[in-house]
Amino acid sequence: MNDFRTVAPLATVRRVTALSLAVLTMTTLAGCSLIPDLAPESLAANKAACQSVTSVWDQLVTVIDSPDLSSVATKIESLPGQLQQAIDSSTDSSLDDALSGLKAQVDALSAASLPDLEKLASAGASLAARCAVFGVTPDLTLPGM
């Protein structure tokens, strides 16, 4: 038989447990870098950063496809600066990481002149995935893919 003295404490324990779990979940998600800041000014800045990547990627593909090595150097020298502007304008740490990954590959390409297509594809995929969170779907395909 249920006695008030045993049912009431059990219900209280359940409520406290549920409330604690909810607070813990909210605290964890609030600090999670996967959840973007959707404030209008942050969203606009991140969308602009994602949109600027399309022109950078198109120039990068032109460099990769170019048979003329002398023209490659002049085309690629502006790309790190453009990517740095996108990094500086974004407010999302995951987007910054994806942009930095692409910038590292562009820097490596300018130093070695032989692209690591696997790393470029990986950088493009992570960037496209993060930009999709902001409603931007840049075409980041490599030649021949």
Protein backbone atom coordinates (compact mmCIF):
# COMPACT_ATOMS: atom_id res chain seq x y z
CA MET A 1 0.00 0.00 0.00
CA ASN A 2 1.32 3.44 -0.87
CA ASP A 3 1.82 5.65 2.06
CA PHE A 4 2.07 9.41 1.57
CA ARG A 5 5.44 9.37 3.32
CA THR A 6 6.98 7.07 0.64
CA VAL A 7 5.28 8.47 -2.48
CA ALA A 8 5.99 12.15 -1.87
CA PRO A 9 9.75 11.79 -1.43
CA LEU A 10 9.96 9.57 -4.55
CA ALA A 11 8.09 12.14 -6.67
CA THR A 12 10.34 14.89 -5.33
CA VAL A 13 13.46 12.88 -6.17
CA ARG A 14 12.17 12.35 -9.71
CA ARG A 15 11.45 16.06 -10.18
CA VAL A 16 14.85 17.08 -8.81
CA THR A 17 16.57 14.51 -11.02
CA ALA A 18 14.69 15.69 -14.12
CA LEU A 19 15.42 19.33 -13.32
CA SER A 20 19.11 18.58 -12.71
CA LEU A 21 19.34 16.71 -16.00
CA ALA A 22 17.68 19.60 -17.84
CA VAL A 23 20.05 22.15 -16.29
CA LEU A 24 23.07 19.98 -17.08
CA THR A 25 21.93 19.54 -20.69
CA MET A 26 21.33 23.26 -21.18
CA THR A 27 24.69 24.12 -19.61
CA THR A 28 26.48 21.62 -21.84
CA LEU A 29 24.75 22.82 -25.00
CA ALA A 30 25.29 26.48 -24.18
CA GLY A 31 29.05 25.94 -24.15
CA CYS A 32 29.04 23.68 -27.20
CA SER A 33 30.74 25.17 -30.23
CA LEU A 34 28.54 23.16 -32.59
CA ILE A 35 25.54 25.32 -31.81
CA PRO A 36 25.91 28.60 -33.72
CA ASP A 37 25.09 32.04 -32.44
CA LEU A 38 21.88 32.94 -34.28
CA ALA A 39 21.82 36.60 -33.32
CA PRO A 40 21.07 38.60 -36.49
CA GLU A 41 24.45 40.36 -36.61
CA SER A 42 26.38 37.11 -36.03
CA LEU A 43 24.30 35.23 -38.56
CA ALA A 44 24.88 37.93 -41.18
CA ALA A 45 28.64 37.93 -40.55
CA ASN A 46 28.88 34.15 -40.78
CA LYS A 47 26.76 34.04 -43.95
CA ALA A 48 29.01 36.66 -45.55
CA ALA A 49 32.11 34.68 -44.59
CA CYS A 50 30.61 31.54 -46.13
CA GLN A 51 29.59 33.37 -49.29
CA SER A 52 33.08 34.77 -49.76
CA VAL A 53 34.48 31.24 -49.76
CA THR A 54 32.87 30.49 -53.13
CA SER A 55 35.04 33.02 -54.97
CA VAL A 56 38.14 31.85 -53.10
CA TRP A 57 37.37 28.22 -53.95
CA ASP A 58 36.77 29.09 -57.63
CA GLN A 59 40.17 30.81 -57.78
CA LEU A 60 41.75 27.82 -56.05
CA VAL A 61 40.25 25.42 -58.61
CA THR A 62 41.58 27.66 -61.39
CA VAL A 63 45.04 27.46 -59.84
CA ILE A 64 44.85 23.67 -59.56
CA ASP A 65 43.66 23.29 -63.16
CA SER A 66 46.19 25.74 -64.58
CA PRO A 67 48.97 24.20 -66.67
CA ASP A 68 50.88 27.50 -66.59
CA LEU A 69 52.96 27.54 -63.40
CA SER A 70 53.98 31.17 -63.80
CA SER A 71 50.38 32.37 -63.60
CA VAL A 72 49.70 30.16 -60.56
CA ALA A 73 51.91 32.20 -58.25
CA THR A 74 50.11 35.46 -58.97
CA LYS A 75 46.66 33.88 -58.66
CA ILE A 76 47.35 32.13 -55.38
CA GLU A 77 49.06 34.98 -53.53
CA SER A 78 45.77 36.79 -52.81
CA LEU A 79 43.90 33.72 -51.52
CA PRO A 80 45.35 33.57 -47.97
CA GLY A 81 44.44 37.23 -47.43
CA GLN A 82 40.89 36.65 -48.64
CA LEU A 83 40.53 33.66 -46.35
CA GLN A 84 41.94 35.64 -43.43
CA GLN A 85 39.29 38.33 -44.05
CA ALA A 86 36.60 35.64 -43.91
CA ILE A 87 38.08 34.28 -40.67
CA ASP A 88 38.21 37.78 -39.18
CA SER A 89 34.61 38.52 -40.12
CA SER A 90 33.08 35.26 -38.85
CA THR A 91 31.85 34.94 -35.29
CA ASP A 92 31.58 31.14 -35.18
CA SER A 93 34.52 29.13 -33.84
CA SER A 94 33.67 26.01 -35.87
CA LEU A 95 33.49 28.12 -39.03
CA ASP A 96 36.83 29.70 -38.08
CA ASP A 97 38.34 26.23 -37.73
CA ALA A 98 37.02 25.15 -41.13
CA LEU A 99 38.27 28.35 -42.78
CA SER A 100 41.64 27.96 -41.07
CA GLY A 101 41.87 24.39 -42.40
CA LEU A 102 41.33 25.65 -45.93
CA LYS A 103 43.80 28.48 -45.38
CA ALA A 104 46.43 25.97 -44.21
CA GLN A 105 45.95 23.99 -47.41
CA VAL A 106 46.21 27.14 -49.54
CA ASP A 107 49.40 28.10 -47.70
CA ALA A 108 50.80 24.61 -48.28
CA LEU A 109 49.84 24.79 -51.95
CA SER A 110 51.60 28.11 -52.40
CA ALA A 111 54.73 26.70 -50.75
CA ALA A 112 54.81 23.30 -52.47
CA SER A 113 52.90 23.94 -55.73
CA LEU A 114 51.55 20.38 -55.52
CA PRO A 115 48.08 20.25 -53.99
CA ASP A 116 47.15 17.52 -51.54
CA LEU A 117 43.71 16.87 -52.99
CA GLU A 118 42.66 14.68 -50.08
CA LYS A 119 43.29 17.45 -47.56
CA LEU A 120 41.70 20.06 -49.82
CA ALA A 121 38.61 17.89 -50.23
CA SER A 122 38.44 17.37 -46.47
CA ALA A 123 38.78 21.11 -45.81
CA GLY A 124 36.09 21.84 -48.40
CA ALA A 125 33.72 19.25 -46.95
CA SER A 126 34.02 20.57 -43.40
CA LEU A 127 33.60 24.13 -44.64
CA ALA A 128 30.53 23.25 -46.72
CA ALA A 129 29.00 21.41 -43.77
CA ARG A 130 29.48 24.35 -41.40
CA CYS A 131 28.23 26.86 -43.96
CA ALA A 132 25.08 24.76 -44.41
CA VAL A 133 24.26 25.53 -40.77
CA PHE A 134 24.04 29.19 -41.77
CA GLY A 135 21.92 28.52 -44.86
CA VAL A 136 24.75 28.91 -47.35
CA THR A 137 25.67 26.01 -49.62
CA PRO A 138 28.84 26.93 -51.47
CA ASP A 139 29.87 24.71 -54.39
CA LEU A 140 33.19 23.40 -53.12
CA THR A 141 33.95 20.64 -55.59
CA LEU A 142 37.42 19.91 -56.85
CA PRO A 143 38.26 19.36 -60.51
CA GLY A 144 37.49 15.85 -61.66
CA MET A 145 35.24 15.05 -58.69
